[in-house]
Amino acid sequence: MPSEPQKPEKKPPVKREAPSEETLTKDKCMADFCLKGGSGLIIGGVLTLFLTRPQTYPMWLGLGFGCGLAYDCCQARWNRST
């Protein structure tokens, strides 16, 4: 009779600590910068494509507005948490 392969022993699940509120706030701020800055850049790119072909200032302006909004949201979130 062929022997059955041995099953590996199951390890107990590792208990992980919940992330701190500061870490969550940093993560949300980074996500805000990426999403809002990227959205502003895309909107500026569309405006550049359809309205001002040879100039790129609407893209940089959109990126600046998006990052400014993200900064404002992060500042309010930090002030709320402290």
PDB file of N, CA and C in Angstrom:
ATOM      1  N   MET A   1       0.830  -1.185   0.000  1.00  0.00           N
ATOM      2  CA  MET A   1       0.000   0.000   0.000  1.00  0.00           C
ATOM      3  C   MET A   1       0.873   1.246   0.000  1.00  0.00           C
ATOM      4  N   PRO A   2       0.530   2.190  -0.880  1.00  0.00           N
ATOM      5  CA  PRO A   2       1.309   3.433  -0.864  1.00  0.00           C
ATOM      6  C   PRO A   2       0.965   4.258   0.377  1.00  0.00           C
ATOM      7  N   SER A   3       1.967   4.884   0.907  1.00  0.00           N
ATOM      8  CA  SER A   3       1.718   5.706   2.094  1.00  0.00           C
ATOM      9  C   SER A   3       1.147   7.060   1.667  1.00  0.00           C
ATOM     10  N   GLU A   4       0.287   7.575   2.510  1.00  0.00           N
ATOM     11  CA  GLU A   4      -0.340   8.875   2.220  1.00  0.00           C
ATOM     12  C   GLU A   4       0.631   9.999   2.543  1.00  0.00           C
ATOM     13  N   PRO A   5       0.618  11.054   1.750  1.00  0.00           N
ATOM     14  CA  PRO A   5       1.510  12.176   2.068  1.00  0.00           C
ATOM     15  C   PRO A   5       1.093  12.831   3.381  1.00  0.00           C
ATOM     16  N   GLN A   6       2.070  13.292   4.103  1.00  0.00           N
ATOM     17  CA  GLN A   6       1.774  13.916   5.384  1.00  0.00           C
ATOM     18  C   GLN A   6       1.316  15.349   5.159  1.00  0.00           C
ATOM     19  N   LYS A   7       0.325  15.706   5.905  1.00  0.00           N
ATOM     20  CA  LYS A   7      -0.193  17.070   5.819  1.00  0.00           C
ATOM     21  C   LYS A   7       0.622  17.959   6.743  1.00  0.00           C
ATOM     22  N   PRO A   8       0.939  19.156   6.299  1.00  0.00           N
ATOM     23  CA  PRO A   8       1.699  20.055   7.183  1.00  0.00           C
ATOM     24  C   PRO A   8       0.831  20.488   8.360  1.00  0.00           C
ATOM     25  N   GLU A   9       1.501  20.731   9.459  1.00  0.00           N
ATOM     26  CA  GLU A   9       0.773  21.161  10.645  1.00  0.00           C
ATOM     27  C   GLU A   9       0.256  22.581  10.432  1.00  0.00           C
ATOM     28  N   LYS A  10      -0.947  22.817  10.909  1.00  0.00           N
ATOM     29  CA  LYS A  10      -1.518  24.164  10.799  1.00  0.00           C
ATOM     30  C   LYS A  10      -0.986  25.019  11.926  1.00  0.00           C
ATOM     31  N   LYS A  11      -0.502  26.181  11.548  1.00  0.00           N
ATOM     32  CA  LYS A  11       0.003  27.118  12.537  1.00  0.00           C
ATOM     33  C   LYS A  11      -1.150  27.988  13.013  1.00  0.00           C
ATOM     34  N   PRO A  12      -1.144  28.369  14.272  1.00  0.00           N
ATOM     35  CA  PRO A  12      -2.218  29.255  14.742  1.00  0.00           C
ATOM     36  C   PRO A  12      -2.103  30.616  14.049  1.00  0.00           C
ATOM     37  N   PRO A  13      -3.236  31.265  13.802  1.00  0.00           N
ATOM     38  CA  PRO A  13      -3.181  32.572  13.129  1.00  0.00           C
ATOM     39  C   PRO A  13      -2.409  33.589  13.972  1.00  0.00           C
ATOM     40  N   VAL A  14      -1.649  34.416  13.287  1.00  0.00           N
ATOM     41  CA  VAL A  14      -0.849  35.433  13.961  1.00  0.00           C
ATOM     42  C   VAL A  14      -1.759  36.601  14.319  1.00  0.00           C
ATOM     43  N   LYS A  15      -1.705  36.963  15.574  1.00  0.00           N
ATOM     44  CA  LYS A  15      -2.517  38.103  16.011  1.00  0.00           C
ATOM     45  C   LYS A  15      -1.742  39.370  15.718  1.00  0.00           C
ATOM     46  N   ARG A  16      -2.319  40.222  14.912  1.00  0.00           N
ATOM     47  CA  ARG A  16      -1.668  41.477  14.553  1.00  0.00           C
ATOM     48  C   ARG A  16      -2.342  42.621  15.283  1.00  0.00           C
ATOM     49  N   GLU A  17      -1.521  43.568  15.639  1.00  0.00           N
ATOM     50  CA  GLU A  17      -2.071  44.745  16.302  1.00  0.00           C
ATOM     51  C   GLU A  17      -2.807  45.603  15.294  1.00  0.00           C
ATOM     52  N   ALA A  18      -3.857  46.245  15.754  1.00  0.00           N
ATOM     53  CA  ALA A  18      -4.586  47.165  14.885  1.00  0.00           C
ATOM     54  C   ALA A  18      -3.690  48.367  14.611  1.00  0.00           C
ATOM     55  N   PRO A  19      -3.705  48.880  13.375  1.00  0.00           N
ATOM     56  CA  PRO A  19      -2.878  50.052  13.083  1.00  0.00           C
ATOM     57  C   PRO A  19      -3.315  51.250  13.913  1.00  0.00           C
ATOM     58  N   SER A  20      -2.354  52.061  14.277  1.00  0.00           N
ATOM     59  CA  SER A  20      -2.665  53.228  15.097  1.00  0.00           C
ATOM     60  C   SER A  20      -3.448  54.255  14.278  1.00  0.00           C
ATOM     61  N   GLU A  21      -4.052  55.177  14.987  1.00  0.00           N
ATOM     62  CA  GLU A  21      -4.842  56.215  14.313  1.00  0.00           C
ATOM     63  C   GLU A  21      -3.938  57.116  13.465  1.00  0.00           C
ATOM     64  N   GLU A  22      -2.715  57.313  13.936  1.00  0.00           N
ATOM     65  CA  GLU A  22      -1.768  58.134  13.176  1.00  0.00           C
ATOM     66  C   GLU A  22      -1.425  57.473  11.838  1.00  0.00           C
ATOM     67  N   THR A  23      -1.232  56.165  11.856  1.00  0.00           N
ATOM     68  CA  THR A  23      -0.926  55.431  10.633  1.00  0.00           C
ATOM     69  C   THR A  23      -2.099  55.493   9.663  1.00  0.00           C
ATOM     70  N   LEU A  24      -3.305  55.332  10.184  1.00  0.00           N
ATOM     71  CA  LEU A  24      -4.491  55.412   9.328  1.00  0.00           C
ATOM     72  C   LEU A  24      -4.637  56.799   8.719  1.00  0.00           C
ATOM     73  N   THR A  25      -4.353  57.826   9.506  1.00  0.00           N
ATOM     74  CA  THR A  25      -4.447  59.195   9.000  1.00  0.00           C
ATOM     75  C   THR A  25      -3.421  59.433   7.896  1.00  0.00           C
ATOM     76  N   LYS A  26      -2.201  58.939   8.089  1.00  0.00           N
ATOM     77  CA  LYS A  26      -1.170  59.084   7.051  1.00  0.00           C
ATOM     78  C   LYS A  26      -1.577  58.360   5.773  1.00  0.00           C
ATOM     79  N   ASP A  27      -2.130  57.155   5.935  1.00  0.00           N
ATOM     80  CA  ASP A  27      -2.553  56.395   4.760  1.00  0.00           C
ATOM     81  C   ASP A  27      -3.665  57.115   4.000  1.00  0.00           C
ATOM     82  N   LYS A  28      -4.618  57.669   4.734  1.00  0.00           N
ATOM     83  CA  LYS A  28      -5.715  58.386   4.081  1.00  0.00           C
ATOM     84  C   LYS A  28      -5.205  59.648   3.384  1.00  0.00           C
ATOM     85  N   CYS A  29      -4.233  60.309   3.994  1.00  0.00           N
ATOM     86  CA  CYS A  29      -3.667  61.510   3.375  1.00  0.00           C
ATOM     87  C   CYS A  29      -2.913  61.172   2.096  1.00  0.00           C
ATOM     88  N   MET A  30      -2.141  60.102   2.116  1.00  0.00           N
ATOM     89  CA  MET A  30      -1.415  59.697   0.911  1.00  0.00           C
ATOM     90  C   MET A  30      -2.396  59.311  -0.195  1.00  0.00           C
ATOM     91  N   ALA A  31      -3.462  58.612   0.171  1.00  0.00           N
ATOM     92  CA  ALA A  31      -4.472  58.246  -0.817  1.00  0.00           C
ATOM     93  C   ALA A  31      -5.153  59.495  -1.373  1.00  0.00           C
ATOM     94  N   ASP A  32      -5.425  60.479  -0.517  1.00  0.00           N
ATOM     95  CA  ASP A  32      -6.025  61.740  -0.964  1.00  0.00           C
ATOM     96  C   ASP A  32      -5.120  62.454  -1.965  1.00  0.00           C
ATOM     97  N   PHE A  33      -3.820  62.526  -1.658  1.00  0.00           N
ATOM     98  CA  PHE A  33      -2.887  63.200  -2.557  1.00  0.00           C
ATOM     99  C   PHE A  33      -2.846  62.508  -3.910  1.00  0.00           C
ATOM    100  N   CYS A  34      -2.821  61.186  -3.888  1.00  0.00           N
ATOM    101  CA  CYS A  34      -2.769  60.450  -5.165  1.00  0.00           C
ATOM    102  C   CYS A  34      -4.053  60.622  -5.965  1.00  0.00           C
ATOM    103  N   LEU A  35      -5.191  60.478  -5.307  1.00  0.00           N
ATOM    104  CA  LEU A  35      -6.463  60.552  -6.033  1.00  0.00           C
ATOM    105  C   LEU A  35      -6.798  61.969  -6.487  1.00  0.00           C
ATOM    106  N   LYS A  36      -6.703  62.919  -5.584  1.00  0.00           N
ATOM    107  CA  LYS A  36      -7.088  64.287  -5.943  1.00  0.00           C
ATOM    108  C   LYS A  36      -6.062  64.944  -6.860  1.00  0.00           C
ATOM    109  N   GLY A  37      -4.789  64.689  -6.601  1.00  0.00           N
ATOM    110  CA  GLY A  37      -3.759  65.219  -7.490  1.00  0.00           C
ATOM    111  C   GLY A  37      -3.861  64.605  -8.877  1.00  0.00           C
ATOM    112  N   GLY A  38      -4.076  63.290  -8.932  1.00  0.00           N
ATOM    113  CA  GLY A  38      -4.235  62.613 -10.222  1.00  0.00           C
ATOM    114  C   GLY A  38      -5.479  63.065 -10.959  1.00  0.00           C
ATOM    115  N   SER A  39      -6.565  63.260 -10.222  1.00  0.00           N
ATOM    116  CA  SER A  39      -7.801  63.748 -10.855  1.00  0.00           C
ATOM    117  C   SER A  39      -7.599  65.136 -11.448  1.00  0.00           C
ATOM    118  N   GLY A  40      -6.936  66.007 -10.695  1.00  0.00           N
ATOM    119  CA  GLY A  40      -6.652  67.347 -11.212  1.00  0.00           C
ATOM    120  C   GLY A  40      -5.766  67.305 -12.441  1.00  0.00           C
ATOM    121  N   LEU A  41      -4.783  66.397 -12.428  1.00  0.00           N
ATOM    122  CA  LEU A  41      -3.893  66.254 -13.575  1.00  0.00           C
ATOM    123  C   LEU A  41      -4.659  65.755 -14.803  1.00  0.00           C
ATOM    124  N   ILE A  42      -5.561  64.821 -14.602  1.00  0.00           N
ATOM    125  CA  ILE A  42      -6.358  64.294 -15.724  1.00  0.00           C
ATOM    126  C   ILE A  42      -7.289  65.367 -16.275  1.00  0.00           C
ATOM    127  N   ILE A  43      -7.954  66.087 -15.385  1.00  0.00           N
ATOM    128  CA  ILE A  43      -8.862  67.147 -15.830  1.00  0.00           C
ATOM    129  C   ILE A  43      -8.077  68.224 -16.576  1.00  0.00           C
ATOM    130  N   GLY A  44      -6.898  68.584 -16.046  1.00  0.00           N
ATOM    131  CA  GLY A  44      -6.047  69.550 -16.737  1.00  0.00           C
ATOM    132  C   GLY A  44      -5.580  69.030 -18.081  1.00  0.00           C
ATOM    133  N   GLY A  45      -5.296  67.738 -18.172  1.00  0.00           N
ATOM    134  CA  GLY A  45      -4.889  67.144 -19.440  1.00  0.00           C
ATOM    135  C   GLY A  45      -5.992  67.185 -20.473  1.00  0.00           C
ATOM    136  N   VAL A  46      -7.216  66.935 -20.039  1.00  0.00           N
ATOM    137  CA  VAL A  46      -8.360  67.004 -20.963  1.00  0.00           C
ATOM    138  C   VAL A  46      -8.561  68.437 -21.440  1.00  0.00           C
ATOM    139  N   LEU A  47      -8.446  69.397 -20.519  1.00  0.00           N
ATOM    140  CA  LEU A  47      -8.588  70.794 -20.923  1.00  0.00           C
ATOM    141  C   LEU A  47      -7.470  71.207 -21.884  1.00  0.00           C
ATOM    142  N   THR A  48      -6.271  70.712 -21.630  1.00  0.00           N
ATOM    143  CA  THR A  48      -5.156  71.010 -22.536  1.00  0.00           C
ATOM    144  C   THR A  48      -5.424  70.435 -23.919  1.00  0.00           C
ATOM    145  N   LEU A  49      -5.922  69.223 -23.944  1.00  0.00           N
ATOM    146  CA  LEU A  49      -6.162  68.544 -25.211  1.00  0.00           C
ATOM    147  C   LEU A  49      -7.220  69.267 -26.049  1.00  0.00           C
ATOM    148  N   PHE A  50      -8.285  69.726 -25.409  1.00  0.00           N
ATOM    149  CA  PHE A  50      -9.396  70.297 -26.168  1.00  0.00           C
ATOM    150  C   PHE A  50      -9.365  71.823 -26.288  1.00  0.00           C
ATOM    151  N   LEU A  51      -8.735  72.514 -25.355  1.00  0.00           N
ATOM    152  CA  LEU A  51      -8.812  73.981 -25.383  1.00  0.00           C
ATOM    153  C   LEU A  51      -7.488  74.661 -25.737  1.00  0.00           C
ATOM    154  N   THR A  52      -6.407  74.265 -25.115  1.00  0.00           N
ATOM    155  CA  THR A  52      -5.133  74.964 -25.328  1.00  0.00           C
ATOM    156  C   THR A  52      -4.079  73.960 -25.760  1.00  0.00           C
ATOM    157  N   ARG A  53      -4.080  73.563 -26.988  1.00  0.00           N
ATOM    158  CA  ARG A  53      -3.218  72.470 -27.452  1.00  0.00           C
ATOM    159  C   ARG A  53      -1.736  72.609 -27.134  1.00  0.00           C
ATOM    160  N   PRO A  54      -1.061  73.683 -27.492  1.00  0.00           N
ATOM    161  CA  PRO A  54       0.389  73.668 -27.294  1.00  0.00           C
ATOM    162  C   PRO A  54       0.847  73.972 -25.860  1.00  0.00           C
ATOM    163  N   GLN A  55      -0.073  74.325 -24.979  1.00  0.00           N
ATOM    164  CA  GLN A  55       0.342  74.737 -23.638  1.00  0.00           C
ATOM    165  C   GLN A  55      -0.022  73.670 -22.607  1.00  0.00           C
ATOM    166  N   THR A  56       0.832  73.541 -21.607  1.00  0.00           N
ATOM    167  CA  THR A  56       0.599  72.521 -20.577  1.00  0.00           C
ATOM    168  C   THR A  56       0.212  73.109 -19.228  1.00  0.00           C
ATOM    169  N   TYR A  57       0.043  74.414 -19.156  1.00  0.00           N
ATOM    170  CA  TYR A  57      -0.257  75.001 -17.852  1.00  0.00           C
ATOM    171  C   TYR A  57      -1.554  74.503 -17.231  1.00  0.00           C
ATOM    172  N   PRO A  58      -2.606  74.136 -18.001  1.00  0.00           N
ATOM    173  CA  PRO A  58      -3.799  73.615 -17.319  1.00  0.00           C
ATOM    174  C   PRO A  58      -3.535  72.300 -16.572  1.00  0.00           C
ATOM    175  N   MET A  59      -2.619  71.481 -17.069  1.00  0.00           N
ATOM    176  CA  MET A  59      -2.293  70.234 -16.370  1.00  0.00           C
ATOM    177  C   MET A  59      -1.632  70.531 -15.031  1.00  0.00           C
ATOM    178  N   TRP A  60      -0.667  71.434 -15.034  1.00  0.00           N
ATOM    179  CA  TRP A  60       0.020  71.759 -13.790  1.00  0.00           C
ATOM    180  C   TRP A  60      -0.906  72.496 -12.828  1.00  0.00           C
ATOM    181  N   LEU A  61      -1.780  73.323 -13.369  1.00  0.00           N
ATOM    182  CA  LEU A  61      -2.748  74.029 -12.532  1.00  0.00           C
ATOM    183  C   LEU A  61      -3.718  73.038 -11.884  1.00  0.00           C
ATOM    184  N   GLY A  62      -4.199  72.069 -12.668  1.00  0.00           N
ATOM    185  CA  GLY A  62      -5.086  71.035 -12.123  1.00  0.00           C
ATOM    186  C   GLY A  62      -4.394  70.206 -11.054  1.00  0.00           C
ATOM    187  N   LEU A  63      -3.132  69.858 -11.288  1.00  0.00           N
ATOM    188  CA  LEU A  63      -2.361  69.104 -10.296  1.00  0.00           C
ATOM    189  C   LEU A  63      -2.210  69.923  -9.016  1.00  0.00           C
ATOM    190  N   GLY A  64      -1.949  71.208  -9.162  1.00  0.00           N
ATOM    191  CA  GLY A  64      -1.811  72.076  -7.995  1.00  0.00           C
ATOM    192  C   GLY A  64      -3.106  72.202  -7.211  1.00  0.00           C
ATOM    193  N   PHE A  65      -4.221  72.363  -7.921  1.00  0.00           N
ATOM    194  CA  PHE A  65      -5.510  72.440  -7.234  1.00  0.00           C
ATOM    195  C   PHE A  65      -5.824  71.127  -6.511  1.00  0.00           C
ATOM    196  N   GLY A  66      -5.564  70.011  -7.170  1.00  0.00           N
ATOM    197  CA  GLY A  66      -5.831  68.705  -6.550  1.00  0.00           C
ATOM    198  C   GLY A  66      -4.990  68.484  -5.310  1.00  0.00           C
ATOM    199  N   CYS A  67      -3.712  68.794  -5.391  1.00  0.00           N
ATOM    200  CA  CYS A  67      -2.838  68.630  -4.226  1.00  0.00           C
ATOM    201  C   CYS A  67      -3.196  69.618  -3.122  1.00  0.00           C
ATOM    202  N   GLY A  68      -3.626  70.811  -3.504  1.00  0.00           N
ATOM    203  CA  GLY A  68      -4.063  71.786  -2.510  1.00  0.00           C
ATOM    204  C   GLY A  68      -5.301  71.323  -1.768  1.00  0.00           C
ATOM    205  N   LEU A  69      -6.239  70.739  -2.486  1.00  0.00           N
ATOM    206  CA  LEU A  69      -7.430  70.194  -1.833  1.00  0.00           C
ATOM    207  C   LEU A  69      -7.058  69.044  -0.904  1.00  0.00           C
ATOM    208  N   ALA A  70      -6.167  68.189  -1.345  1.00  0.00           N
ATOM    209  CA  ALA A  70      -5.736  67.066  -0.515  1.00  0.00           C
ATOM    210  C   ALA A  70      -5.023  67.569   0.744  1.00  0.00           C
ATOM    211  N   TYR A  71      -4.197  68.584   0.593  1.00  0.00           N
ATOM    212  CA  TYR A  71      -3.498  69.153   1.745  1.00  0.00           C
ATOM    213  C   TYR A  71      -4.489  69.732   2.746  1.00  0.00           C
ATOM    214  N   ASP A  72      -5.504  70.418   2.255  1.00  0.00           N
ATOM    215  CA  ASP A  72      -6.520  70.997   3.130  1.00  0.00           C
ATOM    216  C   ASP A  72      -7.268  69.906   3.892  1.00  0.00           C
ATOM    217  N   CYS A  73      -7.626  68.829   3.192  1.00  0.00           N
ATOM    218  CA  CYS A  73      -8.323  67.721   3.848  1.00  0.00           C
ATOM    219  C   CYS A  73      -7.431  67.052   4.888  1.00  0.00           C
ATOM    220  N   CYS A  74      -6.159  66.894   4.568  1.00  0.00           N
ATOM    221  CA  CYS A  74      -5.231  66.271   5.518  1.00  0.00           C
ATOM    222  C   CYS A  74      -5.034  67.143   6.753  1.00  0.00           C
ATOM    223  N   GLN A  75      -4.932  68.428   6.533  1.00  0.00           N
ATOM    224  CA  GLN A  75      -4.757  69.334   7.657  1.00  0.00           C
ATOM    225  C   GLN A  75      -5.976  69.279   8.581  1.00  0.00           C
ATOM    226  N   ALA A  76      -7.167  69.252   8.014  1.00  0.00           N
ATOM    227  CA  ALA A  76      -8.381  69.148   8.827  1.00  0.00           C
ATOM    228  C   ALA A  76      -8.430  67.804   9.556  1.00  0.00           C
ATOM    229  N   ARG A  77      -8.002  66.741   8.878  1.00  0.00           N
ATOM    230  CA  ARG A  77      -8.009  65.414   9.499  1.00  0.00           C
ATOM    231  C   ARG A  77      -7.005  65.355  10.654  1.00  0.00           C
ATOM    232  N   TRP A  78      -5.819  65.973  10.481  1.00  0.00           N
ATOM    233  CA  TRP A  78      -4.823  65.983  11.561  1.00  0.00           C
ATOM    234  C   TRP A  78      -5.317  66.799  12.750  1.00  0.00           C
ATOM    235  N   ASN A  79      -5.967  67.930  12.474  1.00  0.00           N
ATOM    236  CA  ASN A  79      -6.469  68.771  13.557  1.00  0.00           C
ATOM    237  C   ASN A  79      -7.586  68.072  14.325  1.00  0.00           C
ATOM    238  N   ARG A  80      -8.380  67.275  13.622  1.00  0.00           N
ATOM    239  CA  ARG A  80      -9.457  66.529  14.286  1.00  0.00           C
ATOM    240  C   ARG A  80      -8.904  65.427  15.178  1.00  0.00           C
ATOM    241  N   SER A  81      -7.823  64.788  14.753  1.00  0.00           N
ATOM    242  CA  SER A  81      -7.295  63.642  15.491  1.00  0.00           C
ATOM    243  C   SER A  81      -6.473  64.059  16.708  1.00  0.00           C
ATOM    244  N   THR A  82      -5.981  65.283  16.756  1.00  0.00           N
ATOM    245  CA  THR A  82      -5.184  65.696  17.909  1.00  0.00           C
ATOM    246  C   THR A  82      -5.974  66.509  18.891  1.00  0.00           C
TER     247      THR A  82
END
